[in-house]
Amino acid sequence: MTALPKIGRPATSALAALGITTLEAAAALGEKQLLAQHGIGPRAVSILRDALAGQGKDLKP
């Protein structure tokens, strides 16, 4: 399991409130569900997408 990249405190807090502490768990949620969370914006999703791409993975739509 991979730790979350630095995506900012609001986004990290929003993910923690959902019980998400790894990059893989965030990827499983998908882009639409991530963006629907208060505190998670396009910049955080872009950082997550880039981190996943570095592992040869992609973010669900």
PDB file of N, CA and C in Angstrom:
ATOM      1  N   MET A   1       0.838  -1.173   0.000  1.00  0.00           N
ATOM      2  CA  MET A   1       0.000   0.000   0.000  1.00  0.00           C
ATOM      3  C   MET A   1       0.890   1.247   0.000  1.00  0.00           C
ATOM      4  N   THR A   2       0.435   2.243  -0.726  1.00  0.00           N
ATOM      5  CA  THR A   2       1.194   3.468  -0.893  1.00  0.00           C
ATOM      6  C   THR A   2       0.545   4.604  -0.108  1.00  0.00           C
ATOM      7  N   ALA A   3       1.337   5.338   0.627  1.00  0.00           N
ATOM      8  CA  ALA A   3       0.822   6.480   1.378  1.00  0.00           C
ATOM      9  C   ALA A   3       0.312   7.549   0.415  1.00  0.00           C
ATOM     10  N   LEU A   4      -0.626   8.331   0.889  1.00  0.00           N
ATOM     11  CA  LEU A   4      -1.145   9.426   0.074  1.00  0.00           C
ATOM     12  C   LEU A   4      -0.062  10.464  -0.168  1.00  0.00           C
ATOM     13  N   PRO A   5      -0.020  11.041  -1.371  1.00  0.00           N
ATOM     14  CA  PRO A   5       0.921  12.134  -1.616  1.00  0.00           C
ATOM     15  C   PRO A   5       0.437  13.386  -0.878  1.00  0.00           C
ATOM     16  N   LYS A   6       1.263  14.403  -0.825  1.00  0.00           N
ATOM     17  CA  LYS A   6       0.873  15.665  -0.196  1.00  0.00           C
ATOM     18  C   LYS A   6      -0.145  16.364  -1.103  1.00  0.00           C
ATOM     19  N   ILE A   7      -1.411  16.362  -0.659  1.00  0.00           N
ATOM     20  CA  ILE A   7      -2.487  16.943  -1.462  1.00  0.00           C
ATOM     21  C   ILE A   7      -3.161  18.116  -0.763  1.00  0.00           C
ATOM     22  N   GLY A   8      -2.613  18.513   0.359  1.00  0.00           N
ATOM     23  CA  GLY A   8      -3.195  19.620   1.108  1.00  0.00           C
ATOM     24  C   GLY A   8      -4.021  19.117   2.275  1.00  0.00           C
ATOM     25  N   ARG A   9      -4.073  19.939   3.313  1.00  0.00           N
ATOM     26  CA  ARG A   9      -4.765  19.529   4.539  1.00  0.00           C
ATOM     27  C   ARG A   9      -6.262  19.297   4.350  1.00  0.00           C
ATOM     28  N   PRO A  10      -6.990  20.184   3.638  1.00  0.00           N
ATOM     29  CA  PRO A  10      -8.430  19.931   3.493  1.00  0.00           C
ATOM     30  C   PRO A  10      -8.731  18.607   2.783  1.00  0.00           C
ATOM     31  N   ALA A  11      -7.989  18.321   1.727  1.00  0.00           N
ATOM     32  CA  ALA A  11      -8.223  17.082   0.978  1.00  0.00           C
ATOM     33  C   ALA A  11      -7.812  15.862   1.800  1.00  0.00           C
ATOM     34  N   THR A  12      -6.694  15.967   2.499  1.00  0.00           N
ATOM     35  CA  THR A  12      -6.242  14.865   3.340  1.00  0.00           C
ATOM     36  C   THR A  12      -7.250  14.597   4.454  1.00  0.00           C
ATOM     37  N   SER A  13      -7.771  15.653   5.048  1.00  0.00           N
ATOM     38  CA  SER A  13      -8.775  15.507   6.111  1.00  0.00           C
ATOM     39  C   SER A  13     -10.058  14.885   5.574  1.00  0.00           C
ATOM     40  N   ALA A  14     -10.464  15.299   4.376  1.00  0.00           N
ATOM     41  CA  ALA A  14     -11.680  14.748   3.772  1.00  0.00           C
ATOM     42  C   ALA A  14     -11.518  13.254   3.519  1.00  0.00           C
ATOM     43  N   LEU A  15     -10.355  12.853   3.037  1.00  0.00           N
ATOM     44  CA  LEU A  15     -10.110  11.431   2.800  1.00  0.00           C
ATOM     45  C   LEU A  15     -10.052  10.661   4.120  1.00  0.00           C
ATOM     46  N   ALA A  16      -9.405  11.232   5.118  1.00  0.00           N
ATOM     47  CA  ALA A  16      -9.316  10.578   6.418  1.00  0.00           C
ATOM     48  C   ALA A  16     -10.704  10.369   7.022  1.00  0.00           C
ATOM     49  N   ALA A  17     -11.600  11.338   6.829  1.00  0.00           N
ATOM     50  CA  ALA A  17     -12.969  11.213   7.344  1.00  0.00           C
ATOM     51  C   ALA A  17     -13.697  10.043   6.695  1.00  0.00           C
ATOM     52  N   LEU A  18     -13.278   9.684   5.489  1.00  0.00           N
ATOM     53  CA  LEU A  18     -13.861   8.547   4.779  1.00  0.00           C
ATOM     54  C   LEU A  18     -13.114   7.243   5.084  1.00  0.00           C
ATOM     55  N   GLY A  19     -12.059   7.341   5.884  1.00  0.00           N
ATOM     56  CA  GLY A  19     -11.267   6.158   6.211  1.00  0.00           C
ATOM     57  C   GLY A  19     -10.241   5.813   5.154  1.00  0.00           C
ATOM     58  N   ILE A  20      -9.933   6.760   4.292  1.00  0.00           N
ATOM     59  CA  ILE A  20      -8.994   6.514   3.198  1.00  0.00           C
ATOM     60  C   ILE A  20      -7.627   7.056   3.580  1.00  0.00           C
ATOM     61  N   THR A  21      -6.652   6.160   3.654  1.00  0.00           N
ATOM     62  CA  THR A  21      -5.304   6.558   4.060  1.00  0.00           C
ATOM     63  C   THR A  21      -4.235   6.131   3.055  1.00  0.00           C
ATOM     64  N   THR A  22      -4.644   5.461   1.982  1.00  0.00           N
ATOM     65  CA  THR A  22      -3.677   5.015   0.976  1.00  0.00           C
ATOM     66  C   THR A  22      -4.081   5.502  -0.407  1.00  0.00           C
ATOM     67  N   LEU A  23      -3.097   5.554  -1.270  1.00  0.00           N
ATOM     68  CA  LEU A  23      -3.337   5.966  -2.651  1.00  0.00           C
ATOM     69  C   LEU A  23      -4.272   4.989  -3.354  1.00  0.00           C
ATOM     70  N   GLU A  24      -4.098   3.711  -3.086  1.00  0.00           N
ATOM     71  CA  GLU A  24      -4.939   2.705  -3.727  1.00  0.00           C
ATOM     72  C   GLU A  24      -6.411   2.849  -3.316  1.00  0.00           C
ATOM     73  N   ALA A  25      -6.648   3.155  -2.064  1.00  0.00           N
ATOM     74  CA  ALA A  25      -8.023   3.343  -1.590  1.00  0.00           C
ATOM     75  C   ALA A  25      -8.655   4.576  -2.228  1.00  0.00           C
ATOM     76  N   ALA A  26      -7.873   5.623  -2.392  1.00  0.00           N
ATOM     77  CA  ALA A  26      -8.382   6.831  -3.051  1.00  0.00           C
ATOM     78  C   ALA A  26      -8.708   6.529  -4.514  1.00  0.00           C
ATOM     79  N   ALA A  27      -7.861   5.740  -5.156  1.00  0.00           N
ATOM     80  CA  ALA A  27      -8.083   5.391  -6.559  1.00  0.00           C
ATOM     81  C   ALA A  27      -9.356   4.575  -6.713  1.00  0.00           C
ATOM     82  N   ALA A  28      -9.639   3.719  -5.739  1.00  0.00           N
ATOM     83  CA  ALA A  28     -10.830   2.882  -5.810  1.00  0.00           C
ATOM     84  C   ALA A  28     -12.112   3.704  -5.725  1.00  0.00           C
ATOM     85  N   LEU A  29     -12.050   4.854  -5.062  1.00  0.00           N
ATOM     86  CA  LEU A  29     -13.228   5.725  -4.984  1.00  0.00           C
ATOM     87  C   LEU A  29     -13.597   6.272  -6.351  1.00  0.00           C
ATOM     88  N   GLY A  30     -12.603   6.725  -7.085  1.00  0.00           N
ATOM     89  CA  GLY A  30     -12.844   7.278  -8.399  1.00  0.00           C
ATOM     90  C   GLY A  30     -12.945   8.794  -8.375  1.00  0.00           C
ATOM     91  N   GLU A  31     -12.700   9.376  -9.527  1.00  0.00           N
ATOM     92  CA  GLU A  31     -12.633  10.829  -9.663  1.00  0.00           C
ATOM     93  C   GLU A  31     -13.939  11.529  -9.281  1.00  0.00           C
ATOM     94  N   LYS A  32     -15.066  11.023  -9.757  1.00  0.00           N
ATOM     95  CA  LYS A  32     -16.352  11.669  -9.468  1.00  0.00           C
ATOM     96  C   LYS A  32     -16.638  11.691  -7.975  1.00  0.00           C
ATOM     97  N   GLN A  33     -16.426  10.576  -7.308  1.00  0.00           N
ATOM     98  CA  GLN A  33     -16.693  10.512  -5.870  1.00  0.00           C
ATOM     99  C   GLN A  33     -15.710  11.366  -5.084  1.00  0.00           C
ATOM    100  N   LEU A  34     -14.465  11.414  -5.534  1.00  0.00           N
ATOM    101  CA  LEU A  34     -13.485  12.260  -4.857  1.00  0.00           C
ATOM    102  C   LEU A  34     -13.892  13.733  -4.953  1.00  0.00           C
ATOM    103  N   LEU A  35     -14.231  14.165  -6.155  1.00  0.00           N
ATOM    104  CA  LEU A  35     -14.598  15.568  -6.357  1.00  0.00           C
ATOM    105  C   LEU A  35     -15.894  15.943  -5.639  1.00  0.00           C
ATOM    106  N   ALA A  36     -16.713  14.963  -5.337  1.00  0.00           N
ATOM    107  CA  ALA A  36     -17.976  15.233  -4.641  1.00  0.00           C
ATOM    108  C   ALA A  36     -17.753  15.513  -3.151  1.00  0.00           C
ATOM    109  N   GLN A  37     -16.549  15.209  -2.648  1.00  0.00           N
ATOM    110  CA  GLN A  37     -16.254  15.405  -1.230  1.00  0.00           C
ATOM    111  C   GLN A  37     -15.823  16.844  -0.965  1.00  0.00           C
ATOM    112  N   HIS A  38     -16.368  17.429   0.081  1.00  0.00           N
ATOM    113  CA  HIS A  38     -15.975  18.780   0.480  1.00  0.00           C
ATOM    114  C   HIS A  38     -14.502  18.766   0.884  1.00  0.00           C
ATOM    115  N   GLY A  39     -13.714  19.636   0.305  1.00  0.00           N
ATOM    116  CA  GLY A  39     -12.288  19.713   0.614  1.00  0.00           C
ATOM    117  C   GLY A  39     -11.397  19.100  -0.449  1.00  0.00           C
ATOM    118  N   ILE A  40     -11.989  18.334  -1.351  1.00  0.00           N
ATOM    119  CA  ILE A  40     -11.201  17.709  -2.419  1.00  0.00           C
ATOM    120  C   ILE A  40     -11.563  18.386  -3.730  1.00  0.00           C
ATOM    121  N   GLY A  41     -10.587  19.049  -4.320  1.00  0.00           N
ATOM    122  CA  GLY A  41     -10.817  19.776  -5.559  1.00  0.00           C
ATOM    123  C   GLY A  41      -9.996  19.216  -6.705  1.00  0.00           C
ATOM    124  N   PRO A  42     -10.069  19.888  -7.844  1.00  0.00           N
ATOM    125  CA  PRO A  42      -9.351  19.422  -9.034  1.00  0.00           C
ATOM    126  C   PRO A  42      -7.841  19.298  -8.835  1.00  0.00           C
ATOM    127  N   ARG A  43      -7.250  20.189  -8.040  1.00  0.00           N
ATOM    128  CA  ARG A  43      -5.807  20.125  -7.819  1.00  0.00           C
ATOM    129  C   ARG A  43      -5.428  18.843  -7.079  1.00  0.00           C
ATOM    130  N   ALA A  44      -6.162  18.506  -6.037  1.00  0.00           N
ATOM    131  CA  ALA A  44      -5.884  17.286  -5.282  1.00  0.00           C
ATOM    132  C   ALA A  44      -6.064  16.051  -6.160  1.00  0.00           C
ATOM    133  N   VAL A  45      -7.107  16.037  -6.960  1.00  0.00           N
ATOM    134  CA  VAL A  45      -7.355  14.905  -7.857  1.00  0.00           C
ATOM    135  C   VAL A  45      -6.224  14.788  -8.878  1.00  0.00           C
ATOM    136  N   SER A  46      -5.743  15.914  -9.366  1.00  0.00           N
ATOM    137  CA  SER A  46      -4.635  15.903 -10.322  1.00  0.00           C
ATOM    138  C   SER A  46      -3.369  15.317  -9.686  1.00  0.00           C
ATOM    139  N   ILE A  47      -3.103  15.684  -8.441  1.00  0.00           N
ATOM    140  CA  ILE A  47      -1.937  15.146  -7.732  1.00  0.00           C
ATOM    141  C   ILE A  47      -2.088  13.637  -7.538  1.00  0.00           C
ATOM    142  N   LEU A  48      -3.281  13.202  -7.155  1.00  0.00           N
ATOM    143  CA  LEU A  48      -3.535  11.765  -7.000  1.00  0.00           C
ATOM    144  C   LEU A  48      -3.363  11.040  -8.336  1.00  0.00           C
ATOM    145  N   ARG A  49      -3.894  11.620  -9.407  1.00  0.00           N
ATOM    146  CA  ARG A  49      -3.783  11.013 -10.733  1.00  0.00           C
ATOM    147  C   ARG A  49      -2.314  10.873 -11.143  1.00  0.00           C
ATOM    148  N   ASP A  50      -1.512  11.922 -10.898  1.00  0.00           N
ATOM    149  CA  ASP A  50      -0.090  11.877 -11.246  1.00  0.00           C
ATOM    150  C   ASP A  50       0.648  10.807 -10.437  1.00  0.00           C
ATOM    151  N   ALA A  51       0.314  10.702  -9.141  1.00  0.00           N
ATOM    152  CA  ALA A  51       0.954   9.692  -8.299  1.00  0.00           C
ATOM    153  C   ALA A  51       0.615   8.288  -8.786  1.00  0.00           C
ATOM    154  N   LEU A  52      -0.630   8.096  -9.175  1.00  0.00           N
ATOM    155  CA  LEU A  52      -1.042   6.787  -9.699  1.00  0.00           C
ATOM    156  C   LEU A  52      -0.358   6.488 -11.026  1.00  0.00           C
ATOM    157  N   ALA A  53      -0.256   7.499 -11.888  1.00  0.00           N
ATOM    158  CA  ALA A  53       0.398   7.310 -13.183  1.00  0.00           C
ATOM    159  C   ALA A  53       1.854   6.885 -12.994  1.00  0.00           C
ATOM    160  N   GLY A  54       2.498   7.395 -11.958  1.00  0.00           N
ATOM    161  CA  GLY A  54       3.865   7.016 -11.651  1.00  0.00           C
ATOM    162  C   GLY A  54       4.000   5.545 -11.297  1.00  0.00           C
ATOM    163  N   GLN A  55       2.891   4.927 -10.927  1.00  0.00           N
ATOM    164  CA  GLN A  55       2.874   3.496 -10.613  1.00  0.00           C
ATOM    165  C   GLN A  55       2.258   2.678 -11.743  1.00  0.00           C
ATOM    166  N   GLY A  56       1.951   3.343 -12.845  1.00  0.00           N
ATOM    167  CA  GLY A  56       1.337   2.642 -13.975  1.00  0.00           C
ATOM    168  C   GLY A  56      -0.125   2.352 -13.768  1.00  0.00           C
ATOM    169  N   LYS A  57      -0.762   3.096 -12.869  1.00  0.00           N
ATOM    170  CA  LYS A  57      -2.181   2.893 -12.574  1.00  0.00           C
ATOM    171  C   LYS A  57      -2.961   4.145 -12.977  1.00  0.00           C
ATOM    172  N   ASP A  58      -4.275   4.043 -12.908  1.00  0.00           N
ATOM    173  CA  ASP A  58      -5.124   5.168 -13.291  1.00  0.00           C
ATOM    174  C   ASP A  58      -6.244   5.341 -12.271  1.00  0.00           C
ATOM    175  N   LEU A  59      -6.789   6.524 -12.249  1.00  0.00           N
ATOM    176  CA  LEU A  59      -7.904   6.854 -11.371  1.00  0.00           C
ATOM    177  C   LEU A  59      -9.206   6.504 -12.080  1.00  0.00           C
ATOM    178  N   LYS A  60     -10.107   5.805 -11.378  1.00  0.00           N
ATOM    179  CA  LYS A  60     -11.404   5.507 -11.975  1.00  0.00           C
ATOM    180  C   LYS A  60     -12.109   6.813 -12.307  1.00  0.00           C
ATOM    181  N   PRO A  61     -12.902   6.804 -13.386  1.00  0.00           N
ATOM    182  CA  PRO A  61     -13.655   8.030 -13.719  1.00  0.00           C
ATOM    183  C   PRO A  61     -14.690   8.378 -12.665  1.00  0.00           C
TER     184      PRO A  61
END
